[in-house]
N, C-alpha and C. Protein backbone atom coordinates (compact mmCIF):
# COMPACT_ATOMS: atom_id res chain seq x y z
N UNK A 1 21.19 20.46 -46.75
CA UNK A 1 20.43 19.42 -47.41
C UNK A 1 21.31 18.18 -47.57
N UNK A 2 20.75 17.03 -47.28
CA UNK A 2 21.53 15.80 -47.33
C UNK A 2 21.70 15.29 -48.76
N UNK A 3 22.63 14.39 -48.88
CA UNK A 3 22.86 13.68 -50.14
C UNK A 3 22.51 12.23 -49.86
N UNK A 4 21.61 11.67 -50.63
CA UNK A 4 21.13 10.32 -50.36
C UNK A 4 21.59 9.33 -51.42
N UNK A 5 21.80 8.11 -50.98
CA UNK A 5 22.10 6.97 -51.84
C UNK A 5 21.45 5.76 -51.22
N UNK A 6 21.22 4.74 -52.01
CA UNK A 6 20.84 3.45 -51.45
C UNK A 6 21.52 2.36 -52.25
N UNK A 7 21.73 1.24 -51.60
CA UNK A 7 22.35 0.09 -52.24
C UNK A 7 21.33 -1.04 -52.21
N UNK A 8 21.25 -1.80 -53.32
CA UNK A 8 20.19 -2.79 -53.48
C UNK A 8 20.75 -4.16 -53.86
N UNK A 9 20.22 -5.18 -53.21
CA UNK A 9 20.55 -6.57 -53.52
C UNK A 9 19.36 -7.16 -54.27
N UNK A 10 19.44 -7.14 -55.57
CA UNK A 10 18.38 -7.72 -56.39
C UNK A 10 18.92 -8.96 -57.09
N UNK A 11 18.05 -9.62 -57.80
CA UNK A 11 18.40 -10.86 -58.49
C UNK A 11 19.42 -10.61 -59.60
N UNK A 12 20.16 -11.66 -59.96
CA UNK A 12 21.10 -11.55 -61.08
C UNK A 12 20.34 -11.09 -62.31
N UNK A 13 20.94 -10.20 -63.04
CA UNK A 13 20.30 -9.68 -64.25
C UNK A 13 19.33 -8.54 -64.00
N UNK A 14 19.24 -8.07 -62.76
CA UNK A 14 18.34 -6.96 -62.46
C UNK A 14 18.73 -5.74 -63.27
N UNK A 15 17.73 -5.02 -63.72
CA UNK A 15 17.94 -3.83 -64.54
C UNK A 15 17.75 -2.58 -63.70
N UNK A 16 18.17 -1.43 -64.23
CA UNK A 16 17.90 -0.18 -63.51
C UNK A 16 16.40 0.00 -63.21
N UNK A 17 15.54 -0.41 -64.13
CA UNK A 17 14.10 -0.27 -63.87
C UNK A 17 13.65 -1.18 -62.72
N UNK A 18 14.27 -2.36 -62.58
CA UNK A 18 13.96 -3.22 -61.44
C UNK A 18 14.31 -2.51 -60.12
N UNK A 19 15.43 -1.82 -60.10
CA UNK A 19 15.85 -1.08 -58.91
C UNK A 19 14.86 0.04 -58.63
N UNK A 20 14.51 0.80 -59.67
CA UNK A 20 13.55 1.91 -59.48
C UNK A 20 12.21 1.40 -58.97
N UNK A 21 11.76 0.25 -59.47
CA UNK A 21 10.50 -0.34 -59.00
C UNK A 21 10.62 -0.75 -57.53
N UNK A 22 11.76 -1.30 -57.14
CA UNK A 22 11.97 -1.67 -55.74
C UNK A 22 11.97 -0.42 -54.85
N UNK A 23 12.58 0.65 -55.33
CA UNK A 23 12.59 1.91 -54.58
C UNK A 23 11.16 2.42 -54.40
N UNK A 24 10.36 2.37 -55.47
CA UNK A 24 8.97 2.82 -55.37
C UNK A 24 8.20 2.00 -54.33
N UNK A 25 8.39 0.68 -54.36
CA UNK A 25 7.70 -0.16 -53.38
C UNK A 25 8.12 0.20 -51.96
N UNK A 26 9.40 0.44 -51.76
CA UNK A 26 9.90 0.82 -50.44
C UNK A 26 9.25 2.13 -49.99
N UNK A 27 9.23 3.10 -50.86
CA UNK A 27 8.65 4.41 -50.52
C UNK A 27 7.17 4.30 -50.18
N UNK A 28 6.50 3.29 -50.76
CA UNK A 28 5.08 3.06 -50.48
C UNK A 28 4.88 2.19 -49.26
N UNK A 29 5.99 1.81 -48.60
CA UNK A 29 5.91 1.02 -47.39
C UNK A 29 5.74 -0.47 -47.64
N UNK A 30 5.99 -0.91 -48.86
CA UNK A 30 5.86 -2.33 -49.20
C UNK A 30 7.22 -3.00 -49.08
N UNK A 31 7.41 -3.72 -48.01
CA UNK A 31 8.64 -4.46 -47.79
C UNK A 31 8.31 -5.94 -47.67
N UNK A 32 8.96 -6.74 -48.48
CA UNK A 32 8.71 -8.17 -48.46
C UNK A 32 9.17 -8.77 -47.14
N UNK A 33 8.40 -9.69 -46.64
CA UNK A 33 8.78 -10.43 -45.43
C UNK A 33 9.73 -11.53 -45.87
N UNK A 34 10.99 -11.33 -45.61
CA UNK A 34 11.99 -12.32 -45.98
C UNK A 34 13.23 -12.10 -45.12
N UNK A 35 14.10 -13.08 -45.17
CA UNK A 35 15.36 -12.95 -44.45
C UNK A 35 16.22 -11.90 -45.14
N UNK A 36 17.02 -11.18 -44.38
CA UNK A 36 17.91 -10.20 -44.99
C UNK A 36 18.90 -10.88 -45.95
N UNK A 37 19.10 -10.26 -47.08
CA UNK A 37 20.07 -10.75 -48.05
C UNK A 37 21.46 -10.64 -47.43
N UNK A 38 22.26 -11.70 -47.49
CA UNK A 38 23.60 -11.65 -46.89
C UNK A 38 24.48 -10.53 -47.45
N UNK A 39 24.23 -10.14 -48.69
CA UNK A 39 25.01 -9.04 -49.27
C UNK A 39 24.70 -7.73 -48.56
N UNK A 40 23.43 -7.52 -48.23
CA UNK A 40 23.02 -6.31 -47.52
C UNK A 40 23.59 -6.31 -46.10
N UNK A 41 23.52 -7.46 -45.45
CA UNK A 41 24.06 -7.57 -44.09
C UNK A 41 25.56 -7.28 -44.10
N UNK A 42 26.28 -7.86 -45.06
CA UNK A 42 27.72 -7.63 -45.15
C UNK A 42 28.05 -6.18 -45.41
N UNK A 43 27.32 -5.55 -46.33
CA UNK A 43 27.55 -4.13 -46.62
C UNK A 43 27.30 -3.29 -45.38
N UNK A 44 26.16 -3.52 -44.72
CA UNK A 44 25.81 -2.73 -43.54
C UNK A 44 26.89 -2.86 -42.46
N UNK A 45 27.31 -4.07 -42.20
CA UNK A 45 28.34 -4.27 -41.18
C UNK A 45 29.65 -3.59 -41.56
N UNK A 46 30.01 -3.68 -42.83
CA UNK A 46 31.27 -3.08 -43.28
C UNK A 46 31.23 -1.55 -43.23
N UNK A 47 30.15 -0.96 -43.72
CA UNK A 47 30.10 0.51 -43.77
C UNK A 47 29.98 1.08 -42.36
N UNK A 48 29.23 0.40 -41.48
CA UNK A 48 29.10 0.93 -40.12
C UNK A 48 30.31 0.60 -39.25
N UNK A 49 31.14 -0.33 -39.67
CA UNK A 49 32.40 -0.56 -38.96
C UNK A 49 33.33 0.63 -39.17
N UNK A 50 33.29 1.21 -40.36
CA UNK A 50 34.11 2.39 -40.66
C UNK A 50 33.45 3.68 -40.22
N UNK A 51 32.13 3.74 -40.35
CA UNK A 51 31.37 4.96 -40.05
C UNK A 51 30.14 4.56 -39.21
N UNK A 52 30.32 4.44 -37.90
CA UNK A 52 29.22 3.96 -37.04
C UNK A 52 27.97 4.83 -37.17
N UNK A 53 26.82 4.15 -37.11
CA UNK A 53 25.55 4.88 -37.17
C UNK A 53 24.80 4.82 -35.84
N UNK A 54 25.39 4.18 -34.85
CA UNK A 54 24.80 4.11 -33.51
C UNK A 54 25.90 4.27 -32.49
N UNK A 55 25.75 5.06 -31.50
CA UNK A 55 24.66 6.03 -31.36
C UNK A 55 24.87 7.21 -32.31
N UNK A 56 23.81 7.92 -32.58
CA UNK A 56 23.91 9.09 -33.44
C UNK A 56 24.76 10.15 -32.76
N UNK A 57 25.71 10.70 -33.48
CA UNK A 57 26.54 11.75 -32.90
C UNK A 57 27.16 12.59 -34.02
N UNK A 58 27.62 13.76 -33.65
CA UNK A 58 28.27 14.63 -34.62
C UNK A 58 29.59 14.01 -35.05
N UNK A 59 30.00 14.35 -36.26
CA UNK A 59 31.27 13.85 -36.75
C UNK A 59 31.13 12.64 -37.65
N UNK A 60 29.95 12.04 -37.70
CA UNK A 60 29.75 10.93 -38.63
C UNK A 60 29.24 11.51 -39.96
N UNK A 61 29.34 10.75 -41.03
CA UNK A 61 28.85 11.26 -42.31
C UNK A 61 27.33 11.17 -42.46
N UNK A 62 26.65 10.60 -41.47
CA UNK A 62 25.22 10.32 -41.61
C UNK A 62 24.35 11.49 -41.17
N UNK A 63 23.51 11.93 -42.07
CA UNK A 63 22.50 12.96 -41.76
C UNK A 63 21.39 12.33 -40.92
N UNK A 64 21.08 11.07 -41.22
CA UNK A 64 20.04 10.33 -40.51
C UNK A 64 20.66 9.04 -40.02
N UNK A 65 20.50 8.79 -38.73
CA UNK A 65 20.99 7.53 -38.19
C UNK A 65 20.02 7.06 -37.11
N UNK A 66 19.90 5.76 -36.92
CA UNK A 66 20.64 4.73 -37.65
C UNK A 66 20.20 4.67 -39.11
N UNK A 67 21.03 4.04 -39.91
CA UNK A 67 20.71 3.87 -41.32
C UNK A 67 19.46 3.02 -41.49
N UNK A 68 18.71 3.27 -42.56
CA UNK A 68 17.54 2.45 -42.87
C UNK A 68 18.04 1.19 -43.57
N UNK A 69 17.92 0.05 -42.90
CA UNK A 69 18.34 -1.22 -43.48
C UNK A 69 17.13 -2.13 -43.57
N UNK A 70 16.90 -2.67 -44.75
CA UNK A 70 15.82 -3.62 -44.98
C UNK A 70 16.42 -4.92 -45.52
N UNK A 71 15.60 -5.87 -45.81
CA UNK A 71 16.08 -7.17 -46.28
C UNK A 71 16.87 -7.08 -47.58
N UNK A 72 16.50 -6.11 -48.44
CA UNK A 72 17.14 -6.05 -49.75
C UNK A 72 17.89 -4.75 -50.03
N UNK A 73 17.96 -3.85 -49.06
CA UNK A 73 18.66 -2.59 -49.31
C UNK A 73 19.06 -1.88 -48.03
N UNK A 74 19.95 -0.90 -48.21
CA UNK A 74 20.34 0.02 -47.15
C UNK A 74 20.25 1.42 -47.75
N UNK A 75 19.54 2.31 -47.06
CA UNK A 75 19.43 3.71 -47.48
C UNK A 75 20.41 4.53 -46.65
N UNK A 76 21.15 5.38 -47.34
CA UNK A 76 22.20 6.18 -46.71
C UNK A 76 21.91 7.65 -46.97
N UNK A 77 21.72 8.40 -45.91
CA UNK A 77 21.51 9.84 -46.01
C UNK A 77 22.76 10.51 -45.43
N UNK A 78 23.51 11.16 -46.30
CA UNK A 78 24.81 11.72 -45.92
C UNK A 78 24.73 13.23 -45.72
N UNK A 79 25.54 13.72 -44.78
CA UNK A 79 25.62 15.17 -44.60
C UNK A 79 26.26 15.77 -45.86
N UNK A 80 25.87 16.97 -46.22
CA UNK A 80 26.40 17.56 -47.46
C UNK A 80 27.91 17.77 -47.44
N UNK A 81 28.48 17.84 -46.26
CA UNK A 81 29.92 18.09 -46.15
C UNK A 81 30.73 16.82 -45.96
N UNK A 82 30.12 15.66 -46.20
CA UNK A 82 30.86 14.42 -45.95
C UNK A 82 32.06 14.32 -46.89
N UNK A 83 33.06 13.67 -46.39
CA UNK A 83 34.30 13.46 -47.13
C UNK A 83 34.05 12.64 -48.39
N UNK A 84 34.76 12.95 -49.46
CA UNK A 84 34.67 12.15 -50.67
C UNK A 84 35.02 10.69 -50.41
N UNK A 85 35.88 10.46 -49.42
CA UNK A 85 36.28 9.09 -49.11
C UNK A 85 35.09 8.23 -48.71
N UNK A 86 34.10 8.83 -48.05
CA UNK A 86 32.91 8.08 -47.65
C UNK A 86 32.20 7.56 -48.90
N UNK A 87 32.04 8.42 -49.89
CA UNK A 87 31.39 8.00 -51.14
C UNK A 87 32.20 6.93 -51.85
N UNK A 88 33.50 7.07 -51.85
CA UNK A 88 34.36 6.05 -52.46
C UNK A 88 34.23 4.72 -51.72
N UNK A 89 34.13 4.78 -50.40
CA UNK A 89 33.97 3.55 -49.62
C UNK A 89 32.62 2.90 -49.89
N UNK A 90 31.57 3.70 -50.00
CA UNK A 90 30.25 3.16 -50.33
C UNK A 90 30.30 2.46 -51.68
N UNK A 91 30.89 3.11 -52.68
CA UNK A 91 30.99 2.52 -54.01
C UNK A 91 31.82 1.23 -53.98
N UNK A 92 32.94 1.27 -53.29
CA UNK A 92 33.81 0.08 -53.21
C UNK A 92 33.07 -1.07 -52.56
N UNK A 93 32.40 -0.80 -51.44
CA UNK A 93 31.68 -1.87 -50.74
C UNK A 93 30.49 -2.38 -51.55
N UNK A 94 29.83 -1.49 -52.28
CA UNK A 94 28.74 -1.94 -53.16
C UNK A 94 29.30 -2.94 -54.17
N UNK A 95 30.48 -2.67 -54.69
CA UNK A 95 31.11 -3.59 -55.62
C UNK A 95 31.48 -4.90 -54.95
N UNK A 96 32.05 -4.82 -53.76
CA UNK A 96 32.46 -6.04 -53.05
C UNK A 96 31.27 -6.94 -52.73
N UNK A 97 30.13 -6.33 -52.44
CA UNK A 97 28.94 -7.10 -52.06
C UNK A 97 27.94 -7.25 -53.20
N UNK A 98 28.33 -6.87 -54.41
CA UNK A 98 27.50 -7.04 -55.62
C UNK A 98 26.13 -6.37 -55.46
N UNK A 99 26.15 -5.12 -55.01
CA UNK A 99 24.93 -4.34 -54.82
C UNK A 99 24.85 -3.25 -55.87
N UNK A 100 23.63 -2.94 -56.29
CA UNK A 100 23.41 -1.84 -57.23
C UNK A 100 23.20 -0.56 -56.43
N UNK A 101 23.70 0.54 -56.95
CA UNK A 101 23.56 1.85 -56.31
C UNK A 101 22.42 2.63 -56.94
N UNK A 102 21.62 3.28 -56.10
CA UNK A 102 20.54 4.13 -56.59
C UNK A 102 20.76 5.53 -56.04
N UNK A 103 20.72 6.52 -56.94
CA UNK A 103 20.88 7.92 -56.58
C UNK A 103 19.52 8.60 -56.72
N UNK A 104 18.81 8.85 -55.62
CA UNK A 104 17.48 9.44 -55.71
C UNK A 104 17.46 10.89 -56.16
N UNK A 105 18.61 11.55 -56.14
CA UNK A 105 18.64 12.94 -56.58
C UNK A 105 18.22 13.05 -58.04
N UNK A 106 18.64 12.08 -58.87
CA UNK A 106 18.27 12.13 -60.29
C UNK A 106 17.72 10.82 -60.82
N UNK A 107 17.56 9.82 -59.93
CA UNK A 107 17.00 8.54 -60.35
C UNK A 107 17.99 7.61 -61.04
N UNK A 108 19.28 7.95 -61.01
CA UNK A 108 20.28 7.12 -61.67
C UNK A 108 20.50 5.82 -60.91
N UNK A 109 20.76 4.77 -61.66
CA UNK A 109 21.09 3.46 -61.10
C UNK A 109 22.44 3.06 -61.68
N UNK A 110 23.31 2.61 -60.79
CA UNK A 110 24.64 2.20 -61.21
C UNK A 110 24.85 0.75 -60.82
N UNK A 111 25.30 -0.05 -61.78
CA UNK A 111 25.62 -1.44 -61.39
C UNK A 111 26.84 -1.43 -60.49
N UNK A 112 27.03 -2.51 -59.76
CA UNK A 112 28.23 -2.56 -58.92
C UNK A 112 29.48 -2.40 -59.76
N UNK A 113 30.47 -1.69 -59.26
CA UNK A 113 31.71 -1.52 -60.02
C UNK A 113 32.31 -2.85 -60.47
N UNK A 114 32.08 -3.91 -59.69
CA UNK A 114 32.62 -5.22 -60.09
C UNK A 114 31.98 -5.72 -61.37
N UNK A 115 30.72 -5.37 -61.61
CA UNK A 115 30.06 -5.78 -62.85
C UNK A 115 30.54 -4.96 -64.04
N UNK A 116 30.84 -3.69 -63.80
CA UNK A 116 31.31 -2.83 -64.88
C UNK A 116 32.65 -3.32 -65.38
N UNK A 117 33.50 -3.80 -64.47
CA UNK A 117 34.84 -4.23 -64.83
C UNK A 117 34.87 -5.58 -65.55
N UNK A 118 33.79 -6.33 -65.48
CA UNK A 118 33.75 -7.66 -66.08
C UNK A 118 33.71 -7.61 -67.59
């Protein structure tokens, strides 16, 4: 069974409930027609530079590839045996790109580590 996370680029002051509402809209297939948020683009490029998602092959941390990338988020489905370093890199990059983390396993939302440290 995979372990899933997603990172979200929402407006300044976004709350955990704003993230959960965005997740619900995504699951319902409602994606706003807009240009990709530069934070999402930067995160996607950085994470896939370390852990490529194309072409799909064994040895990557991705249970599903390519990763689901939308204008305001990236969904990451990880193999259950992925290295802890992958999770640390996801968290670090979320902080660098000011993205909120969503854990669908329990519905938890985490602000970017950079916001916690402020």
